[in-house]
């Protein structure tokens, strides 16, 4: 893994997303149309699945996103669509989990490597088309996974196009917001990422980017649950958090932040009481937000990693 490659990968995301949408226009991915949908993955693959499983359940679909490594998996059965996600196409836990569904459930593999072992145990393969990740960190593939799953749920391609355009604009404007964000996060005890349940992948992926890249302590939490599991950490002086708005509990987070002199940055749209707002177009659309939220953390993590390396503070 390297920070320069990571940065290049992040900045390539808008073009990669546009190219994926173009490819899906001529070769549409299969729909998630089954009595039960089981999404299987590890790491960022599972994070993306969590958000889409929530959207499916809200529509009345029996859907779950589970760890490929679970010792109590959803059993295979007729009427189930098992969708295994692995950017590498070789994640052992994911290959084994999908193989359990073979010849019973209908199986799909979402992967950036269609020729990998995961594709060999699937009825059909859906390519992520994210290209090489030169930084060795799953950023383009995370976004591509979310985009494909949204399309497979029936989301209109125009909403994904809007996300690509908004992300390109966000990156073009990074000179105005990135350095202040880095100065705020650099040296924090922990970077906290807080997102609504409908976009839980935004908080989990954002926290992972700080841990996996610059090796910074980071934690991802659901907004309502934050008041039950993470509010205690605001007792630490210098609490730093990224808030992805959209939860009815945003105000409760900000109330505690004000009481304890914590610094919260809002991502997407402004929130009263935040110390910085990183805004982007389309922030009223949860699909757009799901595709852009984590890119703020990705870019910040890449540049923070580069800063730490230049100053001799980066872990090797």
Protein backbone atom coordinates (compact mmCIF):
# COMPACT_ATOMS: atom_id res chain seq x y z
CA UNK A 1 0.00 0.00 0.00
CA UNK A 2 1.21 3.52 -0.73
CA UNK A 3 -0.30 6.99 -0.19
CA UNK A 4 0.47 8.38 -3.64
CA UNK A 5 -1.31 5.48 -5.33
CA UNK A 6 -4.18 5.77 -2.86
CA UNK A 7 -4.59 9.46 -3.68
CA UNK A 8 -4.55 8.75 -7.42
CA UNK A 9 -7.19 6.05 -6.98
CA UNK A 10 -9.49 8.37 -5.02
CA UNK A 11 -9.19 11.18 -7.57
CA UNK A 12 -10.01 8.69 -10.36
CA UNK A 13 -13.34 7.71 -8.78
CA UNK A 14 -15.63 10.10 -10.72
CA UNK A 15 -14.31 8.90 -14.08
CA UNK A 16 -14.41 5.28 -12.93
CA UNK A 17 -18.02 5.66 -11.81
CA UNK A 18 -19.01 7.27 -15.12
CA UNK A 19 -17.35 4.44 -17.06
CA UNK A 20 -19.16 1.84 -14.94
CA UNK A 21 -22.54 3.49 -15.64
CA UNK A 22 -21.75 3.52 -19.38
CA UNK A 23 -20.86 -0.18 -19.30
CA UNK A 24 -24.03 -1.07 -17.41
CA UNK A 25 -26.15 0.80 -19.96
CA UNK A 26 -25.08 -1.65 -22.66
CA UNK A 27 -24.76 -4.67 -20.36
CA UNK A 28 -27.20 -4.24 -17.44
CA UNK A 29 -26.44 -6.18 -14.26
CA UNK A 30 -29.10 -8.69 -13.14
CA UNK A 31 -31.74 -7.39 -10.73
CA UNK A 32 -31.88 -8.39 -7.07
CA UNK A 33 -35.23 -10.12 -7.60
CA UNK A 34 -35.74 -12.97 -5.20
CA UNK A 35 -37.86 -13.96 -2.22
CA UNK A 36 -34.74 -13.58 -0.09
CA UNK A 37 -31.50 -11.75 -0.88
CA UNK A 38 -28.35 -12.66 1.07
CA UNK A 39 -25.41 -10.30 0.53
CA UNK A 40 -22.09 -11.79 1.62
CA UNK A 41 -18.71 -10.13 2.08
CA UNK A 42 -15.88 -8.95 4.29
CA UNK A 43 -14.52 -5.48 5.01
CA UNK A 44 -15.62 -2.72 2.65
CA UNK A 45 -17.55 -5.24 0.53
CA UNK A 46 -19.81 -5.97 3.50
CA UNK A 47 -20.04 -2.29 4.38
CA UNK A 48 -21.53 -1.54 0.94
CA UNK A 49 -23.89 -4.49 1.30
CA UNK A 50 -25.21 -3.22 4.64
CA UNK A 51 -26.52 0.00 3.09
CA UNK A 52 -28.18 -1.80 0.19
CA UNK A 53 -29.71 -4.51 2.40
CA UNK A 54 -31.29 -1.73 4.48
CA UNK A 55 -32.75 -0.16 1.33
CA UNK A 56 -34.15 -3.52 0.20
CA UNK A 57 -35.78 -4.21 3.57
CA UNK A 58 -37.41 -0.77 3.48
CA UNK A 59 -39.08 -1.90 0.25
CA UNK A 60 -40.36 -5.06 1.88
CA UNK A 61 -37.67 -7.40 0.54
CA UNK A 62 -36.28 -10.07 2.86
CA UNK A 63 -32.64 -9.00 2.67
CA UNK A 64 -29.60 -9.40 4.89
CA UNK A 65 -25.91 -8.52 4.66
CA UNK A 66 -23.74 -10.95 6.56
CA UNK A 67 -20.11 -11.62 7.32
CA UNK A 68 -18.70 -14.23 4.99
CA UNK A 69 -16.86 -15.53 8.05
CA UNK A 70 -19.94 -16.06 10.22
CA UNK A 71 -20.28 -19.45 11.89
CA UNK A 72 -24.06 -19.14 11.68
CA UNK A 73 -24.76 -18.25 8.02
CA UNK A 74 -28.13 -17.94 6.33
CA UNK A 75 -28.92 -21.43 5.02
CA UNK A 76 -29.15 -22.04 1.28
CA UNK A 77 -32.64 -22.61 -0.04
CA UNK A 78 -34.72 -22.35 -3.17
CA UNK A 79 -35.91 -18.80 -3.72
CA UNK A 80 -32.75 -17.27 -2.24
CA UNK A 81 -30.38 -15.11 -4.24
CA UNK A 82 -26.91 -15.24 -2.67
CA UNK A 83 -24.68 -12.36 -3.77
CA UNK A 84 -21.03 -12.66 -2.77
CA UNK A 85 -18.83 -9.57 -3.01
CA UNK A 86 -15.04 -9.61 -3.21
CA UNK A 87 -12.93 -7.02 -5.02
CA UNK A 88 -10.06 -9.48 -5.41
CA UNK A 89 -12.34 -12.37 -6.35
CA UNK A 90 -10.27 -14.64 -4.12
CA UNK A 91 -11.30 -13.80 -0.53
CA UNK A 92 -11.30 -17.31 1.03
CA UNK A 93 -14.16 -16.70 3.47
CA UNK A 94 -16.36 -15.26 0.71
CA UNK A 95 -15.60 -18.06 -1.76
CA UNK A 96 -16.43 -20.67 0.88
CA UNK A 97 -19.62 -18.86 1.91
CA UNK A 98 -20.93 -18.67 -1.65
CA UNK A 99 -20.01 -22.28 -2.35
CA UNK A 100 -22.41 -23.34 0.44
CA UNK A 101 -25.25 -21.94 -1.67
CA UNK A 102 -24.25 -23.74 -4.87
CA UNK A 103 -26.94 -25.91 -6.50
CA UNK A 104 -29.56 -24.72 -3.99
CA UNK A 105 -29.72 -20.92 -4.01
CA UNK A 106 -29.18 -18.79 -7.09
CA UNK A 107 -25.67 -17.32 -6.83
CA UNK A 108 -23.98 -14.15 -8.09
CA UNK A 109 -20.41 -12.92 -7.69
CA UNK A 110 -19.60 -9.19 -7.67
CA UNK A 111 -15.88 -8.85 -8.20
CA UNK A 112 -13.16 -6.79 -9.81
CA UNK A 113 -11.55 -10.05 -10.92
CA UNK A 114 -14.13 -12.11 -12.85
CA UNK A 115 -11.58 -14.88 -13.45
CA UNK A 116 -10.94 -15.43 -9.73
CA UNK A 117 -12.04 -18.37 -7.62
CA UNK A 118 -15.24 -16.59 -6.52
CA UNK A 119 -16.51 -16.45 -10.09
CA UNK A 120 -15.85 -20.16 -10.48
CA UNK A 121 -18.41 -21.07 -7.79
CA UNK A 122 -21.10 -18.58 -8.94
CA UNK A 123 -23.93 -19.03 -11.42
CA UNK A 124 -23.11 -15.60 -12.87
CA UNK A 125 -20.43 -12.94 -12.43
CA UNK A 126 -20.99 -9.18 -12.34
CA UNK A 127 -17.71 -7.26 -12.90
CA UNK A 128 -17.04 -4.16 -10.80
CA UNK A 129 -15.01 -2.59 -13.62
CA UNK A 130 -13.10 -0.46 -11.11
CA UNK A 131 -9.68 -1.03 -12.64
CA UNK A 132 -6.45 -1.42 -10.68
CA UNK A 133 -6.23 0.13 -7.23
CA UNK A 134 -2.62 1.26 -7.22
CA UNK A 135 -2.74 2.32 -3.59
CA UNK A 136 -3.75 -1.17 -2.47
CA UNK A 137 -6.82 0.18 -0.62
CA UNK A 138 -10.43 -0.59 -1.54
CA UNK A 139 -11.81 2.82 -2.49
CA UNK A 140 -12.76 2.60 -6.18
CA UNK A 141 -14.05 -0.93 -5.64
CA UNK A 142 -16.12 0.16 -2.63
CA UNK A 143 -17.85 2.85 -4.68
CA UNK A 144 -18.29 0.51 -7.65
CA UNK A 145 -19.87 -2.12 -5.38
CA UNK A 146 -22.38 0.40 -4.04
CA UNK A 147 -23.14 1.71 -7.54
CA UNK A 148 -23.74 -1.75 -8.98
CA UNK A 149 -25.92 -2.83 -6.07
CA UNK A 150 -27.96 0.38 -6.40
CA UNK A 151 -28.49 -0.35 -10.11
CA UNK A 152 -29.43 -3.95 -9.30
CA UNK A 153 -32.04 -2.55 -6.90
CA UNK A 154 -33.58 -0.48 -9.67
CA UNK A 155 -32.02 2.92 -8.91
CA UNK A 156 -32.08 5.14 -12.01
CA UNK A 157 -28.65 5.60 -13.65
CA UNK A 158 -29.21 9.39 -13.71
CA UNK A 159 -28.88 9.47 -9.92
CA UNK A 160 -25.49 7.78 -10.19
CA UNK A 161 -24.47 10.22 -12.94
CA UNK A 162 -25.31 13.08 -10.62
CA UNK A 163 -23.09 11.50 -7.97
CA UNK A 164 -20.14 11.28 -10.37
CA UNK A 165 -20.54 14.93 -11.38
CA UNK A 166 -20.91 16.07 -7.78
CA UNK A 167 -17.82 14.12 -6.75
CA UNK A 168 -15.75 15.62 -9.55
CA UNK A 169 -16.83 19.08 -8.41
CA UNK A 170 -16.08 18.24 -4.77
CA UNK A 171 -12.55 17.18 -5.68
CA UNK A 172 -11.99 20.26 -7.84
CA UNK A 173 -12.87 22.42 -4.81
CA UNK A 174 -10.66 20.49 -2.37
CA UNK A 175 -8.25 23.43 -2.12
CA UNK A 176 -10.91 25.24 -0.10
CA UNK A 177 -11.81 22.49 2.38
CA UNK A 178 -9.14 19.80 2.56
CA UNK A 179 -6.31 21.57 4.44
CA UNK A 180 -8.61 22.89 7.20
CA UNK A 181 -10.02 19.38 7.58
CA UNK A 182 -6.53 17.85 7.78
CA UNK A 183 -5.44 20.41 10.36
CA UNK A 184 -8.47 19.53 12.47
CA UNK A 185 -8.02 15.75 12.25
CA UNK A 186 -4.23 15.57 12.44
CA UNK A 187 -3.22 14.50 15.92
CA UNK A 188 -6.74 13.57 17.04
CA UNK A 189 -6.94 10.79 19.64
CA UNK A 190 -9.46 9.07 17.35
CA UNK A 191 -11.39 10.12 14.25
CA UNK A 192 -15.07 9.29 14.69
CA UNK A 193 -17.41 8.84 11.71
CA UNK A 194 -21.15 9.04 12.38
CA UNK A 195 -23.85 8.16 9.81
CA UNK A 196 -27.53 7.20 9.72
CA UNK A 197 -28.51 3.53 9.53
CA UNK A 198 -29.61 3.97 5.92
CA UNK A 199 -26.01 4.90 5.00
CA UNK A 200 -24.07 2.98 7.65
CA UNK A 201 -21.45 2.15 5.01
CA UNK A 202 -20.44 5.83 5.01
CA UNK A 203 -19.27 5.73 8.62
CA UNK A 204 -17.71 2.26 8.51
CA UNK A 205 -15.81 2.85 5.27
CA UNK A 206 -14.64 6.30 6.39
CA UNK A 207 -13.22 4.91 9.62
CA UNK A 208 -11.53 2.07 7.73
CA UNK A 209 -9.80 4.53 5.39
CA UNK A 210 -8.06 6.21 8.33
CA UNK A 211 -7.07 2.90 9.90
CA UNK A 212 -5.93 1.21 6.70
CA UNK A 213 -4.06 4.15 5.17
CA UNK A 214 -2.32 6.41 7.69
CA UNK A 215 -2.95 3.93 10.56
CA UNK A 216 -4.94 6.49 12.53
CA UNK A 217 -7.35 5.35 15.25
CA UNK A 218 -10.88 5.64 13.85
CA UNK A 219 -14.35 4.40 14.71
CA UNK A 220 -17.59 4.24 12.72
CA UNK A 221 -20.99 4.48 14.42
CA UNK A 222 -24.69 4.75 13.54
CA UNK A 223 -26.03 8.17 14.53
CA UNK A 224 -28.81 7.09 16.88
CA UNK A 225 -26.64 4.39 18.44
CA UNK A 226 -23.85 6.94 18.96
CA UNK A 227 -25.70 8.27 22.03
CA UNK A 228 -25.54 4.75 23.51
CA UNK A 229 -22.05 3.58 22.54
CA UNK A 230 -19.76 6.49 21.60
CA UNK A 231 -21.00 9.60 23.39
CA UNK A 232 -18.77 8.62 26.30
CA UNK A 233 -15.69 9.34 24.20
CA UNK A 234 -16.57 13.03 24.06
CA UNK A 235 -15.09 13.15 27.56
CA UNK A 236 -11.71 13.07 25.80
CA UNK A 237 -10.49 16.62 25.14
CA UNK A 238 -10.21 17.33 21.43
CA UNK A 239 -12.92 14.92 20.26
CA UNK A 240 -13.08 15.02 16.44
CA UNK A 241 -15.97 13.63 14.40
CA UNK A 242 -17.28 13.48 10.84
CA UNK A 243 -21.08 13.66 10.73
CA UNK A 244 -22.98 12.42 7.68
CA UNK A 245 -26.38 14.14 8.06
CA UNK A 246 -29.74 12.51 7.51
CA UNK A 247 -30.62 10.94 10.85
CA UNK A 248 -33.34 12.32 13.16
CA UNK A 249 -30.66 12.05 15.86
CA UNK A 250 -28.21 14.52 14.29
CA UNK A 251 -29.35 17.17 16.74
CA UNK A 252 -28.64 14.93 19.72
CA UNK A 253 -25.05 14.42 18.53
CA UNK A 254 -24.62 18.15 18.18
CA UNK A 255 -26.12 18.82 21.62
CA UNK A 256 -23.49 16.62 23.26
CA UNK A 257 -20.77 18.11 21.06
CA UNK A 258 -21.67 21.62 22.23
CA UNK A 259 -21.79 20.60 25.89
CA UNK A 260 -18.37 18.95 25.74
CA UNK A 261 -16.58 21.29 23.35
CA UNK A 262 -16.23 18.60 20.68
CA UNK A 263 -15.46 19.44 17.06
CA UNK A 264 -17.80 17.97 14.45
CA UNK A 265 -17.50 18.37 10.66
CA UNK A 266 -20.62 17.90 8.55
CA UNK A 267 -20.27 16.12 5.22
CA UNK A 268 -22.69 16.82 2.37
CA UNK A 269 -24.78 19.62 3.83
CA UNK A 270 -24.46 22.06 6.74
CA UNK A 271 -25.53 21.16 10.27
CA UNK A 272 -25.90 23.82 12.97
CA UNK A 273 -23.00 23.84 15.41
CA UNK A 274 -20.42 22.08 13.23
CA UNK A 275 -16.94 23.60 12.99
CA UNK A 276 -16.62 22.92 9.26
CA UNK A 277 -19.00 22.01 6.45
CA UNK A 278 -17.83 20.02 3.42
CA UNK A 279 -20.77 20.43 1.06
CA UNK A 280 -21.53 18.73 -2.24
CA UNK A 281 -24.32 18.88 -4.80
CA UNK A 282 -27.12 16.34 -4.46
CA UNK A 283 -26.77 15.96 -0.70
CA UNK A 284 -30.55 15.68 -0.38
CA UNK A 285 -30.41 12.36 -2.30
CA UNK A 286 -29.35 9.39 -0.11
CA UNK A 287 -28.03 7.50 -3.15
CA UNK A 288 -25.75 10.39 -4.08
CA UNK A 289 -24.63 10.69 -0.46
CA UNK A 290 -23.88 6.97 -0.19
CA UNK A 291 -21.53 7.26 -3.17
CA UNK A 292 -19.80 10.48 -2.05
CA UNK A 293 -19.73 10.47 1.77
CA UNK A 294 -16.72 8.23 2.21
CA UNK A 295 -14.73 9.93 -0.55
CA UNK A 296 -14.18 12.90 1.80
CA UNK A 297 -12.55 10.56 4.31
CA UNK A 298 -10.64 8.76 1.56
CA UNK A 299 -9.11 11.99 0.30
CA UNK A 300 -8.38 13.21 3.82
CA UNK A 301 -6.80 9.87 4.77
CA UNK A 302 -4.62 9.83 1.65
CA UNK A 303 -3.35 13.36 2.19
CA UNK A 304 -2.89 12.87 5.92
CA UNK A 305 -0.84 9.76 5.16
CA UNK A 306 1.30 11.75 2.71
CA UNK A 307 1.77 14.52 5.30
CA UNK A 308 2.76 12.03 8.01
CA UNK A 309 5.20 10.28 5.69
CA UNK A 310 6.83 13.58 4.70
CA UNK A 311 7.26 14.46 8.39
CA UNK A 312 8.56 10.99 9.34
CA UNK A 313 5.45 10.18 11.41
CA UNK A 314 3.97 7.45 9.21
CA UNK A 315 3.98 3.85 10.41
CA UNK A 316 5.64 1.41 8.04
